[in-house]
Amino acid sequence: MEPPRGFLSSLWNFICFLPYFIGLLILGVLKGVILCPLILIIVTVGNFALILGLWPVHLFYTFYCLWSTKQLGPALKLVLSICVLVILLFWPLIGFASSVVGGAAYGFLSPVFATFQAVGGKKTNAFFHSIYDGTWDTVKGSVTIVRDLRDVLYHSYFSIMDDLRLQGPPGGKYYEIRLLYIPLVIIAVALGLLVDIPMIIVIAACKFPYMLIKGWRRLFHDCIGREGPFLETICVPFAGLAILLWPLAVVGAFIGSMLASVLLGAYAGVIVYQECSLWLGLCYVVASLSIYDEYSNDVLDMPEGSCFPRPQYRKKTASRTSSFSRPDSFKNPPSRTNSINAPMVELKPLELLEGGLFKGCQRHGEIMVSKGVITQKDIEDAKSNKDCGQVISIGLPAYCILQTLIQSAKANSDGILLNDDGTEVTSTNRPRDTFYEWFLNPLLIIKDQIKAENLSDSDEEYLGILVLFSGDPERLRNSNIGLPPESELRRAEFEALARRLRGITKSISRYPTFRRRFESSIKIILEDLAKKNGDGRKSGDSGPQRIPRSKSMFARMLSEKSFKTRNGKNGYDQEAQLVDTDRDVEIQ
């Protein structure tokens, strides 16, 4: 029997696909029910053990850094100590609740999505992958969650607190707070929470059914007309799953509104302190209801405006429109033909880091190990989290980023050329993650500065050494590689450039996924080092082993031409001989 055409054809296809979709859903739910308790136990026990075990250390070290820093004044330290104490007292409870909710959601939803992804993808044995996918991967993912939290609580936390403790006040003047307005701030915060929390909950509850019904209506309309998420056949399972899980999305939006009400209410204290007026803070309490109402109307595509008044709460305000402007996607939805024919470069954040940074660290690290620039002691110091270990943990990633920026500047690229396949990351095609918003623009500025400096080979060599060894002053002083510029101004510019690049890299290294992936690259470097040492033992040497020498030293890798220019015909041989002598590292 040939199915009807047009509208009824789409409906017929959906009805024929419905039993298949229900079967996949039952299979995914069954896997989720089985794995959810195990994942919940792993995430909850692991996270809570880390939080509770490090809580006394965090309590002591937070107050130690807070009171020993020179960036904050005495009054501000006192106020922050009270706020930090409240946060730290509630932190174990918040961490436990978040682990329970997050672990249960991940343990149940991850197998369900993996089941549909296995069938919708291009895998050969779809039946096997529909059963296997989402099982062991979910277990490993739960362990990864615990691992990332450990990196945040142990490495990222201490890195941030050490910067707070060691860095001096900007401009020689510390931050201070006006104690006179603290009582007024407390009053504004209390009134803001008292008014905004119940009112915003009522507004969200009134719009809750509208969001649920309108979302279902839009999804069913797209399903019948094969538009939106139902446009491509491979997306149909996920779009059907979106219909079933849409109530959870609405509940999540409602909970998000409840949390946002706390922030909106507490921001009244900021208005009071900034504007030095309790009256303006009270005006903001009323205006925040209108702000939330207008924003929710725009998100739900409801009529613009709000029934709540919006008094002026700033003494000087920038010009703005009467309401949030609607995105073009509400007015002009994308056409079906454009979504198919228009070429689109999809850049995924983790893949960019994996291909552009971690592989570069691995490649440069292996070269430096073979040349003797990076020794076993450097890697062990980095693994033990010592200050001298910054040659590996900060210097090596910063050096890789520097080489990428130099390569991009020489190629006259508008963005940043990755080292692996020449992929160009620009401001237009970058992933829309906050991570890239924070770090891409500063790196583009540094790239333009490098291009404007018109670096010579010796300049690139000297800048690379500064970036690599600035965290170890003794190592930097003992480094004979790189001829500093004659101009003191140019030398100061290079030092400032190296500090900025290392600072950006240090901020990137505080992200948990960075440390996990970077350690895997270091592990490969260690394996390469052990392999070379093993080859030396097989050759019949029974004594201490040395890293194999190479005629092309690290200096030659940076710039062979600069050494020939500096030392003449025999100067490079003398320099290489010195480096060869310094790099004989005995490994027991």
Protein backbone atom coordinates (compact mmCIF):
# COMPACT_ATOMS: atom_id res chain seq x y z
CA MET A 1 0.00 0.00 0.00
CA GLU A 2 1.50 3.30 -1.07
CA PRO A 3 1.25 5.98 1.60
CA PRO A 4 -0.46 9.26 0.76
CA ARG A 5 1.56 12.33 -0.17
CA GLY A 6 2.03 15.78 1.31
CA PHE A 7 0.86 16.45 4.83
CA LEU A 8 -0.55 12.96 5.29
CA SER A 9 2.72 11.47 4.06
CA SER A 10 4.64 13.11 6.90
CA LEU A 11 2.01 11.98 9.36
CA TRP A 12 2.18 8.44 7.95
CA ASN A 13 5.97 8.36 8.29
CA PHE A 14 5.75 9.55 11.86
CA ILE A 15 3.18 6.89 12.75
CA CYS A 16 5.34 4.20 11.15
CA PHE A 17 8.38 5.42 13.07
CA LEU A 18 6.53 5.66 16.40
CA PRO A 19 6.83 1.95 17.43
CA TYR A 20 10.53 2.01 16.58
CA PHE A 21 10.98 5.16 18.65
CA ILE A 22 9.07 3.70 21.60
CA GLY A 23 11.23 0.56 21.49
CA LEU A 24 14.43 2.62 21.61
CA LEU A 25 13.02 4.71 24.42
CA ILE A 26 12.16 1.63 26.48
CA LEU A 27 15.65 0.22 25.91
CA GLY A 28 17.30 3.49 26.90
CA VAL A 29 15.10 3.89 29.97
CA LEU A 30 15.87 0.32 31.02
CA LYS A 31 19.60 0.96 30.81
CA GLY A 32 19.14 4.22 32.68
CA VAL A 33 17.21 2.56 35.50
CA ILE A 34 19.89 -0.11 35.85
CA LEU A 35 22.86 2.27 35.75
CA CYS A 36 21.37 5.19 37.67
CA PRO A 37 21.96 3.75 41.20
CA LEU A 38 25.59 2.86 40.39
CA ILE A 39 26.34 6.24 38.84
CA LEU A 40 24.59 7.99 41.72
CA ILE A 41 26.77 6.15 44.25
CA ILE A 42 30.01 6.87 42.35
CA VAL A 43 29.32 10.57 41.85
CA THR A 44 27.80 11.22 45.28
CA VAL A 45 30.33 9.28 47.34
CA GLY A 46 33.32 10.50 45.32
CA ASN A 47 32.32 14.17 45.26
CA PHE A 48 31.20 14.30 48.87
CA ALA A 49 34.39 12.55 50.04
CA LEU A 50 36.47 15.17 48.22
CA ILE A 51 34.38 18.07 49.51
CA LEU A 52 34.33 16.86 53.10
CA GLY A 53 37.98 15.79 53.11
CA LEU A 54 39.28 19.11 51.78
CA TRP A 55 36.80 21.29 53.66
CA PRO A 56 39.04 21.91 56.73
CA VAL A 57 41.96 22.79 54.44
CA HIS A 58 39.78 25.13 52.38
CA LEU A 59 38.46 26.78 55.53
CA PHE A 60 41.92 27.46 56.93
CA TYR A 61 43.64 28.39 53.68
CA THR A 62 40.85 30.70 52.52
CA PHE A 63 41.06 32.84 55.64
CA TYR A 64 44.85 32.69 55.60
CA CYS A 65 45.04 34.01 52.03
CA LEU A 66 42.24 36.49 52.63
CA TRP A 67 43.92 38.14 55.59
CA SER A 68 47.48 37.95 54.22
CA THR A 69 46.73 39.49 50.82
CA LYS A 70 47.77 43.05 50.10
CA GLN A 71 45.08 43.62 47.48
CA LEU A 72 42.26 44.15 50.00
CA GLY A 73 41.80 46.66 52.78
CA PRO A 74 40.99 45.77 56.41
CA ALA A 75 37.28 46.62 56.22
CA LEU A 76 36.82 44.67 53.00
CA LYS A 77 38.65 41.70 54.50
CA LEU A 78 36.26 41.74 57.45
CA VAL A 79 33.14 41.81 55.27
CA LEU A 80 34.47 39.12 52.93
CA SER A 81 35.41 36.93 55.87
CA ILE A 82 31.79 36.92 57.06
CA CYS A 83 30.49 36.14 53.57
CA VAL A 84 33.10 33.44 52.97
CA LEU A 85 32.33 31.84 56.33
CA VAL A 86 28.65 31.56 55.44
CA ILE A 87 29.47 30.08 52.04
CA LEU A 88 31.93 27.57 53.45
CA LEU A 89 29.48 26.45 56.15
CA PHE A 90 26.84 25.66 53.54
CA TRP A 91 29.30 24.32 50.96
CA PRO A 92 29.20 20.62 52.04
CA LEU A 93 25.39 20.64 51.97
CA ILE A 94 25.30 22.34 48.56
CA GLY A 95 27.91 19.97 47.18
CA PHE A 96 26.07 16.92 48.44
CA ALA A 97 22.72 18.04 47.03
CA SER A 98 24.28 18.96 43.68
CA SER A 99 26.05 15.59 43.49
CA VAL A 100 22.82 13.71 44.18
CA VAL A 101 20.80 15.61 41.59
CA GLY A 102 23.57 15.70 38.99
CA GLY A 103 24.55 12.06 39.49
CA ALA A 104 20.96 10.84 39.19
CA ALA A 105 20.30 12.95 36.09
CA TYR A 106 23.53 11.88 34.41
CA GLY A 107 23.12 8.22 35.31
CA PHE A 108 19.60 8.09 33.87
CA LEU A 109 19.75 10.43 30.87
CA SER A 110 23.18 9.51 29.51
CA PRO A 111 22.22 5.91 28.58
CA VAL A 112 18.97 7.15 27.02
CA PHE A 113 20.68 9.68 24.77
CA ALA A 114 23.47 7.21 23.93
CA THR A 115 20.86 4.67 22.76
CA PHE A 116 19.32 7.08 20.27
CA GLN A 117 22.73 8.35 19.19
CA ALA A 118 23.92 4.81 18.44
CA VAL A 119 20.96 4.17 16.13
CA GLY A 120 20.97 7.60 14.48
CA GLY A 121 24.70 7.56 13.74
CA LYS A 122 26.73 5.79 11.06
CA LYS A 123 27.77 2.76 13.09
CA THR A 124 27.86 -0.62 11.39
CA ASN A 125 26.25 -2.78 14.08
CA ALA A 126 23.43 -0.53 15.29
CA PHE A 127 21.75 -3.24 17.36
CA PHE A 128 24.90 -3.99 19.37
CA HIS A 129 25.70 -0.32 19.91
CA SER A 130 22.13 0.46 20.96
CA ILE A 131 22.63 -1.99 23.83
CA TYR A 132 26.29 -1.34 24.67
CA ASP A 133 26.56 2.43 24.17
CA GLY A 134 25.84 4.41 27.29
CA THR A 135 26.82 1.64 29.72
CA TRP A 136 30.57 1.54 30.27
CA ASP A 137 30.95 5.05 28.82
CA THR A 138 28.57 6.37 31.46
CA VAL A 139 30.54 4.66 34.24
CA LYS A 140 33.79 6.17 32.95
CA GLY A 141 32.06 9.53 32.61
CA SER A 142 30.99 9.44 36.26
CA VAL A 143 34.59 8.78 37.31
CA THR A 144 35.66 11.67 35.10
CA ILE A 145 33.20 13.94 36.91
CA VAL A 146 34.80 13.06 40.23
CA ARG A 147 38.26 13.55 38.72
CA ASP A 148 37.36 17.00 37.39
CA LEU A 149 35.96 18.04 40.76
CA ARG A 150 39.21 16.91 42.38
CA ASP A 151 41.16 19.12 39.98
CA VAL A 152 38.92 22.07 40.81
CA LEU A 153 39.08 21.61 44.58
CA TYR A 154 42.78 20.83 44.74
CA HIS A 155 44.64 22.44 41.85
CA SER A 156 42.41 25.27 40.61
CA TYR A 157 41.45 26.42 44.11
CA PHE A 158 45.01 26.67 45.39
CA SER A 159 46.16 28.35 42.18
CA ILE A 160 43.54 31.08 42.56
CA MET A 161 44.17 31.56 46.28
CA ASP A 162 47.95 31.72 45.77
CA ASP A 163 47.47 34.50 43.23
CA LEU A 164 45.29 36.37 45.73
CA ARG A 165 47.91 35.97 48.45
CA LEU A 166 51.07 36.72 46.45
CA GLN A 167 50.03 39.43 44.01
CA GLY A 168 50.32 43.03 45.09
CA PRO A 169 47.63 45.70 44.87
CA PRO A 170 47.02 47.05 41.36
CA GLY A 171 48.43 50.53 40.98
CA GLY A 172 49.84 50.40 44.51
CA LYS A 173 46.41 50.97 46.09
CA TYR A 174 44.37 48.21 47.68
CA TYR A 175 40.61 47.75 47.34
CA GLU A 176 38.50 49.03 50.20
CA ILE A 177 34.84 49.16 51.10
CA ARG A 178 32.75 51.98 52.55
CA LEU A 179 31.49 50.69 55.89
CA LEU A 180 28.90 53.45 56.17
CA TYR A 181 26.73 51.83 53.50
CA ILE A 182 26.96 48.26 54.78
CA PRO A 183 23.78 48.52 56.93
CA LEU A 184 21.91 50.04 54.00
CA VAL A 185 23.15 47.25 51.74
CA ILE A 186 21.90 44.63 54.19
CA ILE A 187 18.49 46.30 54.32
CA ALA A 188 18.28 46.47 50.51
CA VAL A 189 19.29 42.81 50.13
CA ALA A 190 16.72 41.70 52.72
CA LEU A 191 13.92 43.69 51.06
CA GLY A 192 15.00 42.53 47.61
CA LEU A 193 14.88 38.87 48.61
CA LEU A 194 11.61 39.36 50.46
CA VAL A 195 9.91 40.92 47.43
CA ASP A 196 11.59 39.35 44.39
CA ILE A 197 11.63 35.68 45.41
CA PRO A 198 7.84 35.21 45.92
CA MET A 199 6.85 37.55 43.09
CA ILE A 200 9.16 35.97 40.53
CA ILE A 201 8.00 32.50 41.58
CA VAL A 202 4.39 33.61 41.02
CA ILE A 203 5.24 35.09 37.59
CA ALA A 204 7.10 31.91 36.58
CA ALA A 205 4.23 29.72 37.82
CA CYS A 206 1.74 31.71 35.73
CA LYS A 207 3.88 31.30 32.60
CA PHE A 208 4.70 27.65 33.32
CA PRO A 209 1.59 26.20 31.53
CA TYR A 210 2.05 28.58 28.60
CA MET A 211 5.64 27.46 28.09
CA LEU A 212 4.65 23.79 28.34
CA ILE A 213 1.76 23.98 25.88
CA LYS A 214 3.51 26.27 23.41
CA GLY A 215 6.64 24.12 23.39
CA TRP A 216 4.64 20.97 22.75
CA ARG A 217 2.64 22.73 20.05
CA ARG A 218 5.81 23.89 18.28
CA LEU A 219 7.47 20.48 18.49
CA PHE A 220 4.39 18.64 17.17
CA HIS A 221 4.02 21.21 14.40
CA ASP A 222 7.66 20.67 13.37
CA CYS A 223 7.16 16.91 13.59
CA ILE A 224 4.16 16.89 11.24
CA GLY A 225 5.71 19.37 8.80
CA ARG A 226 9.25 17.93 9.00
CA GLU A 227 10.75 21.26 10.00
CA GLY A 228 13.08 22.45 12.71
CA PRO A 229 14.67 19.54 14.61
CA PHE A 230 12.70 17.05 12.47
CA LEU A 231 14.21 18.35 9.23
CA GLU A 232 16.98 15.72 9.02
CA THR A 233 16.15 12.04 9.38
CA ILE A 234 19.09 11.45 11.72
CA CYS A 235 17.67 14.03 14.17
CA VAL A 236 14.17 12.52 14.34
CA PRO A 237 14.94 10.24 17.36
CA PHE A 238 16.36 13.13 19.35
CA ALA A 239 13.48 15.42 18.36
CA GLY A 240 10.99 12.74 19.44
CA LEU A 241 12.85 12.42 22.71
CA ALA A 242 12.64 16.19 23.09
CA ILE A 243 8.83 15.93 22.95
CA LEU A 244 8.81 13.49 25.84
CA LEU A 245 11.39 15.38 27.90
CA TRP A 246 9.97 18.84 27.27
CA PRO A 247 8.19 18.90 30.68
CA LEU A 248 11.58 18.36 32.34
CA ALA A 249 12.94 21.34 30.43
CA VAL A 250 10.03 23.44 31.63
CA VAL A 251 10.58 22.31 35.21
CA GLY A 252 14.27 23.17 34.83
CA ALA A 253 13.35 26.64 33.59
CA PHE A 254 11.07 27.10 36.58
CA ILE A 255 13.84 26.08 39.00
CA GLY A 256 16.21 28.39 37.17
CA SER A 257 13.77 31.24 37.67
CA MET A 258 13.68 30.50 41.39
CA LEU A 259 17.48 30.66 41.57
CA ALA A 260 17.56 33.79 39.44
CA SER A 261 15.13 35.48 41.86
CA VAL A 262 17.75 35.19 44.60
CA LEU A 263 20.40 36.87 42.46
CA LEU A 264 18.02 39.58 41.26
CA GLY A 265 16.93 40.36 44.79
CA ALA A 266 20.45 40.40 46.22
CA TYR A 267 21.64 42.73 43.44
CA ALA A 268 19.70 45.51 45.14
CA GLY A 269 22.57 45.71 47.64
CA VAL A 270 24.99 46.32 44.78
CA ILE A 271 22.82 49.15 43.49
CA VAL A 272 22.74 50.76 46.93
CA TYR A 273 26.51 50.58 47.28
CA GLN A 274 27.27 51.79 43.75
CA GLU A 275 24.75 54.63 43.75
CA CYS A 276 25.13 55.52 47.45
CA SER A 277 21.36 55.64 47.83
CA LEU A 278 18.89 53.36 49.61
CA TRP A 279 16.03 54.83 47.60
CA LEU A 280 17.57 53.77 44.29
CA GLY A 281 18.03 50.29 45.72
CA LEU A 282 14.32 50.14 46.55
CA CYS A 283 13.53 51.38 43.04
CA TYR A 284 15.60 48.51 41.66
CA VAL A 285 13.63 46.00 43.75
CA VAL A 286 10.48 47.10 41.91
CA ALA A 287 12.20 47.43 38.53
CA SER A 288 13.70 43.92 38.76
CA LEU A 289 10.19 42.45 38.50
CA SER A 290 9.66 44.33 35.25
CA ILE A 291 13.09 43.26 33.98
CA TYR A 292 12.32 39.60 34.60
CA ASP A 293 8.82 39.89 33.15
CA GLU A 294 10.06 41.53 29.94
CA TYR A 295 12.85 39.02 29.51
CA SER A 296 10.54 36.02 29.99
CA ASN A 297 8.05 37.54 27.52
CA ASP A 298 10.77 37.82 24.89
CA VAL A 299 11.95 34.25 25.49
CA LEU A 300 8.41 32.87 25.20
CA ASP A 301 7.59 35.14 22.22
CA MET A 302 4.81 36.83 24.16
CA PRO A 303 3.71 40.47 23.71
CA GLU A 304 6.42 42.94 24.65
CA GLY A 305 6.34 45.05 27.76
CA SER A 306 5.36 44.35 31.34
CA CYS A 307 2.51 45.12 33.68
CA PHE A 308 4.97 46.04 36.44
CA PRO A 309 6.38 49.55 36.79
CA ARG A 310 10.02 50.17 36.01
CA PRO A 311 11.31 53.17 37.99
CA GLN A 312 14.70 54.70 37.38
CA TYR A 313 17.32 53.09 39.65
CA ARG A 314 20.50 54.64 38.22
CA LYS A 315 21.64 58.23 38.47
CA LYS A 316 23.22 58.01 35.01
CA THR A 317 21.93 55.41 32.59
CA ALA A 318 22.91 54.48 29.07
CA SER A 319 20.32 54.74 26.33
CA ARG A 320 18.30 51.59 25.85
CA THR A 321 15.18 50.46 24.08
CA SER A 322 11.87 49.97 25.86
CA SER A 323 12.23 46.22 25.75
CA PHE A 324 14.66 43.53 24.81
CA SER A 325 14.95 43.23 21.06
CA ARG A 326 13.76 39.95 19.71
CA PRO A 327 16.23 37.74 17.95
CA ASP A 328 15.88 37.43 14.22
CA SER A 329 15.22 33.73 14.62
CA PHE A 330 11.77 34.53 16.03
CA LYS A 331 10.84 36.75 13.11
CA ASN A 332 12.58 35.00 10.23
CA PRO A 333 13.08 31.30 10.90
CA PRO A 334 15.84 29.66 8.86
CA SER A 335 14.72 28.17 5.59
CA ARG A 336 14.95 24.49 4.88
CA THR A 337 17.11 24.87 1.79
CA ASN A 338 19.64 27.11 3.48
CA SER A 339 20.19 24.60 6.26
CA ILE A 340 21.10 21.95 3.71
CA ASN A 341 23.01 23.85 1.04
CA ALA A 342 24.85 26.50 3.05
CA PRO A 343 28.33 25.32 4.07
CA MET A 344 28.93 25.50 7.78
CA VAL A 345 32.16 24.88 9.68
CA GLU A 346 31.39 23.29 13.03
CA LEU A 347 34.07 23.87 15.62
CA LYS A 348 33.71 21.94 18.85
CA PRO A 349 35.40 23.40 21.95
CA LEU A 350 37.00 20.21 23.28
CA GLU A 351 38.21 19.17 19.84
CA LEU A 352 39.86 22.56 19.38
CA LEU A 353 41.71 22.21 22.67
CA GLU A 354 42.59 18.61 21.90
CA GLY A 355 43.92 19.30 18.42
CA GLY A 356 45.28 22.80 18.83
CA LEU A 357 46.89 22.73 22.27
CA PHE A 358 47.29 19.28 23.80
CA LYS A 359 48.70 17.65 20.68
CA GLY A 360 51.04 20.61 20.34
CA CYS A 361 52.19 20.14 23.93
CA GLN A 362 52.80 16.48 23.24
CA ARG A 363 54.71 17.17 20.03
CA HIS A 364 56.87 19.97 21.43
CA GLY A 365 57.35 18.07 24.69
CA GLU A 366 58.69 15.00 22.92
CA ILE A 367 61.10 17.15 20.93
CA MET A 368 62.30 18.97 24.04
CA VAL A 369 62.76 15.70 25.91
CA SER A 370 64.84 14.30 23.06
CA LYS A 371 66.96 17.48 23.03
CA GLY A 372 67.43 17.50 26.80
CA VAL A 373 65.67 20.81 27.39
CA ILE A 374 62.96 19.12 29.44
CA THR A 375 64.34 16.66 31.94
CA GLN A 376 62.88 13.97 34.13
CA LYS A 377 63.13 16.36 37.08
CA ASP A 378 60.90 18.90 35.32
CA ILE A 379 58.20 16.30 34.78
CA GLU A 380 58.43 15.00 38.34
CA ASP A 381 58.22 18.56 39.70
CA ALA A 382 55.12 19.17 37.58
CA LYS A 383 53.52 15.93 38.83
CA SER A 384 54.27 16.86 42.46
CA ASN A 385 52.81 20.35 41.88
CA LYS A 386 55.97 22.18 42.90
CA ASP A 387 56.59 25.82 42.01
CA CYS A 388 59.57 24.86 39.86
CA GLY A 389 57.27 22.52 37.96
CA GLN A 390 55.79 25.46 36.08
CA VAL A 391 58.22 24.76 33.25
CA ILE A 392 55.92 21.87 32.31
CA SER A 393 52.53 22.90 33.67
CA ILE A 394 52.58 26.52 32.46
CA GLY A 395 55.67 27.07 30.34
CA LEU A 396 55.11 24.23 27.86
CA PRO A 397 51.44 25.11 27.04
CA ALA A 398 52.35 28.80 26.85
CA TYR A 399 55.22 27.99 24.50
CA CYS A 400 52.87 25.98 22.26
CA ILE A 401 50.39 28.85 22.18
CA LEU A 402 53.22 31.24 21.33
CA GLN A 403 54.32 29.09 18.40
CA THR A 404 50.73 28.95 17.17
CA LEU A 405 50.43 32.74 17.37
CA ILE A 406 53.74 33.23 15.55
CA GLN A 407 52.62 30.83 12.84
CA SER A 408 49.29 32.66 12.50
CA ALA A 409 51.02 36.06 12.34
CA LYS A 410 53.40 34.90 9.62
CA ALA A 411 50.49 33.48 7.60
CA ASN A 412 48.60 36.82 7.85
CA SER A 413 45.65 34.93 9.30
CA ASP A 414 42.63 36.84 10.56
CA GLY A 415 42.30 34.34 13.41
CA ILE A 416 44.47 31.62 14.92
CA LEU A 417 45.76 28.70 12.86
CA LEU A 418 45.80 25.44 14.78
CA ASN A 419 48.86 23.26 14.59
CA ASP A 420 47.19 20.02 13.56
CA ASP A 421 45.36 20.56 10.27
CA GLY A 422 45.48 24.29 9.62
CA THR A 423 41.98 24.95 10.98
CA GLU A 424 41.48 28.68 11.46
CA VAL A 425 39.63 29.89 14.54
CA THR A 426 38.25 33.41 14.17
CA SER A 427 35.80 35.61 16.05
CA THR A 428 33.01 34.53 13.70
CA ASN A 429 33.37 30.74 13.69
CA ARG A 430 34.62 30.21 17.23
CA PRO A 431 32.46 28.12 19.59
CA ARG A 432 29.96 30.24 21.50
CA ASP A 433 31.34 29.21 24.86
CA THR A 434 32.29 31.66 27.60
CA PHE A 435 35.68 29.98 27.67
CA TYR A 436 36.48 31.19 24.16
CA GLU A 437 34.98 34.62 24.79
CA TRP A 438 37.41 35.13 27.66
CA PHE A 439 40.59 33.92 26.01
CA LEU A 440 40.29 34.18 22.24
CA ASN A 441 40.21 37.97 21.97
CA PRO A 442 43.31 38.49 24.20
CA LEU A 443 45.18 35.90 22.14
CA LEU A 444 44.17 37.66 18.93
CA ILE A 445 45.52 40.92 20.37
CA ILE A 446 48.82 39.23 21.27
CA LYS A 447 48.98 37.78 17.76
CA ASP A 448 48.55 41.28 16.27
CA GLN A 449 51.28 42.59 18.59
CA ILE A 450 53.63 39.82 17.48
CA LYS A 451 52.86 40.65 13.85
CA ALA A 452 53.50 44.36 14.46
CA GLU A 453 56.82 43.65 16.19
CA ASN A 454 58.13 41.91 13.04
CA LEU A 455 60.15 39.43 15.06
CA SER A 456 63.47 38.13 13.79
CA ASP A 457 64.69 34.59 14.39
CA SER A 458 66.67 35.65 17.45
CA ASP A 459 63.66 37.55 18.80
CA GLU A 460 61.44 34.48 18.43
CA GLU A 461 64.10 32.40 20.12
CA TYR A 462 64.47 34.81 23.05
CA LEU A 463 60.70 35.19 23.46
CA GLY A 464 60.25 31.41 23.44
CA ILE A 465 62.80 31.02 26.23
CA LEU A 466 61.11 33.75 28.27
CA VAL A 467 57.73 32.07 27.92
CA LEU A 468 59.12 28.62 28.74
CA PHE A 469 61.38 29.40 31.70
CA SER A 470 59.90 32.56 33.29
CA GLY A 471 58.40 30.45 36.08
CA ASP A 472 61.88 29.23 37.07
CA PRO A 473 64.21 32.26 37.44
CA GLU A 474 67.29 30.13 38.13
CA ARG A 475 66.67 28.06 35.04
CA LEU A 476 66.16 31.24 33.03
CA ARG A 477 69.45 32.73 34.25
CA ASN A 478 71.36 29.56 33.45
CA SER A 479 69.88 29.36 29.96
CA ASN A 480 72.46 30.34 27.38
CA ILE A 481 70.00 30.09 24.51
CA GLY A 482 68.64 33.26 23.04
CA LEU A 483 70.23 36.63 22.49
CA PRO A 484 68.25 39.41 24.22
CA PRO A 485 67.44 42.49 22.14
CA GLU A 486 69.80 45.42 22.47
CA SER A 487 66.97 47.86 23.12
CA GLU A 488 65.79 47.90 26.74
CA LEU A 489 62.33 48.97 25.61
CA ARG A 490 62.04 46.01 23.25
CA ARG A 491 63.29 43.68 25.98
CA ALA A 492 60.68 45.02 28.39
CA GLU A 493 57.99 44.55 25.74
CA PHE A 494 59.02 40.91 25.32
CA GLU A 495 58.96 40.35 29.07
CA ALA A 496 55.49 41.88 29.34
CA LEU A 497 54.31 39.77 26.40
CA ALA A 498 55.67 36.62 28.06
CA ARG A 499 53.96 37.50 31.35
CA ARG A 500 50.63 38.06 29.63
CA LEU A 501 50.87 34.81 27.71
CA ARG A 502 51.79 32.84 30.81
CA GLY A 503 48.99 34.53 32.74
CA ILE A 504 46.42 33.54 30.10
CA THR A 505 47.79 29.99 30.07
CA LYS A 506 47.63 29.82 33.86
CA SER A 507 43.98 30.87 33.77
CA ILE A 508 43.23 28.23 31.13
CA SER A 509 45.02 25.58 33.20
CA ARG A 510 42.56 26.09 36.05
CA TYR A 511 39.77 24.47 34.09
CA PRO A 512 39.36 20.83 35.16
CA THR A 513 39.20 19.36 31.67
CA PHE A 514 42.47 21.09 30.81
CA ARG A 515 44.42 19.43 33.58
CA ARG A 516 43.03 15.97 32.84
CA ARG A 517 43.83 16.19 29.14
CA PHE A 518 47.19 17.85 29.72
CA GLU A 519 48.25 15.09 32.11
CA SER A 520 47.46 12.52 29.44
CA SER A 521 49.87 14.35 27.11
CA ILE A 522 52.52 14.41 29.85
CA LYS A 523 52.00 10.69 30.33
CA ILE A 524 52.82 10.12 26.67
CA ILE A 525 55.97 12.23 27.08
CA LEU A 526 56.96 10.13 30.10
CA GLU A 527 56.41 6.96 28.12
CA ASP A 528 58.62 8.33 25.36
CA LEU A 529 61.30 9.17 27.93
CA ALA A 530 61.06 5.71 29.50
CA LYS A 531 61.22 4.10 26.08
CA LYS A 532 64.43 5.93 25.25
CA ASN A 533 65.92 4.94 28.60
CA GLY A 534 64.87 1.34 27.99
CA ASP A 535 66.58 1.35 24.61
CA GLY A 536 69.75 2.52 26.32
CA ARG A 537 69.64 -0.38 28.78
CA LYS A 538 69.20 -2.88 26.00
CA SER A 539 72.39 -1.66 24.38
CA GLY A 540 74.41 -3.23 27.20
CA ASP A 541 75.01 -0.27 29.51
CA SER A 542 74.64 -1.31 33.11
CA GLY A 543 75.31 2.03 34.71
CA PRO A 544 73.16 5.16 34.95
CA GLN A 545 71.30 5.92 31.72
CA ARG A 546 71.40 9.17 29.81
CA ILE A 547 68.93 10.76 27.50
CA PRO A 548 70.19 10.19 23.94
CA ARG A 549 72.01 13.12 22.43
CA SER A 550 71.13 14.79 19.21
CA LYS A 551 73.14 16.97 16.94
CA SER A 552 70.19 19.37 16.55
CA MET A 553 69.71 20.99 19.92
CA PHE A 554 66.68 22.88 21.19
CA ALA A 555 68.43 26.06 20.09
CA ARG A 556 68.54 24.71 16.58
CA MET A 557 64.86 23.82 16.75
CA LEU A 558 64.05 27.41 17.70
CA SER A 559 66.37 29.14 15.32
CA GLU A 560 69.51 27.71 13.81
CA LYS A 561 70.08 30.77 11.71
CA SER A 562 70.21 33.13 14.70
CA PHE A 563 73.07 31.21 16.30
CA LYS A 564 75.06 31.19 13.11
CA THR A 565 74.61 34.93 12.85
CA ARG A 566 75.53 35.54 16.45
CA ASN A 567 78.52 33.23 16.91
CA GLY A 568 79.85 33.02 13.38
CA LYS A 569 80.87 29.82 11.69
CA ASN A 570 82.27 28.13 14.79
CA GLY A 571 80.06 29.82 17.33
CA TYR A 572 77.17 27.44 16.80
CA ASP A 573 79.42 24.42 17.34
CA GLN A 574 80.63 25.89 20.64
CA GLU A 575 77.04 26.62 21.73
CA ALA A 576 75.89 23.13 20.81
CA GLN A 577 78.82 21.68 22.72
CA LEU A 578 77.83 23.61 25.82
CA VAL A 579 74.23 22.53 25.55
CA ASP A 580 75.35 18.91 25.04
CA THR A 581 77.37 19.10 28.23
CA ASP A 582 74.50 20.57 30.27
CA ARG A 583 71.89 18.12 29.08
CA ASP A 584 73.50 14.84 30.21
CA VAL A 585 70.88 13.92 32.79
CA GLU A 586 71.50 10.72 34.71
CA ILE A 587 68.39 8.65 35.45
CA GLN A 588 68.81 5.95 38.00
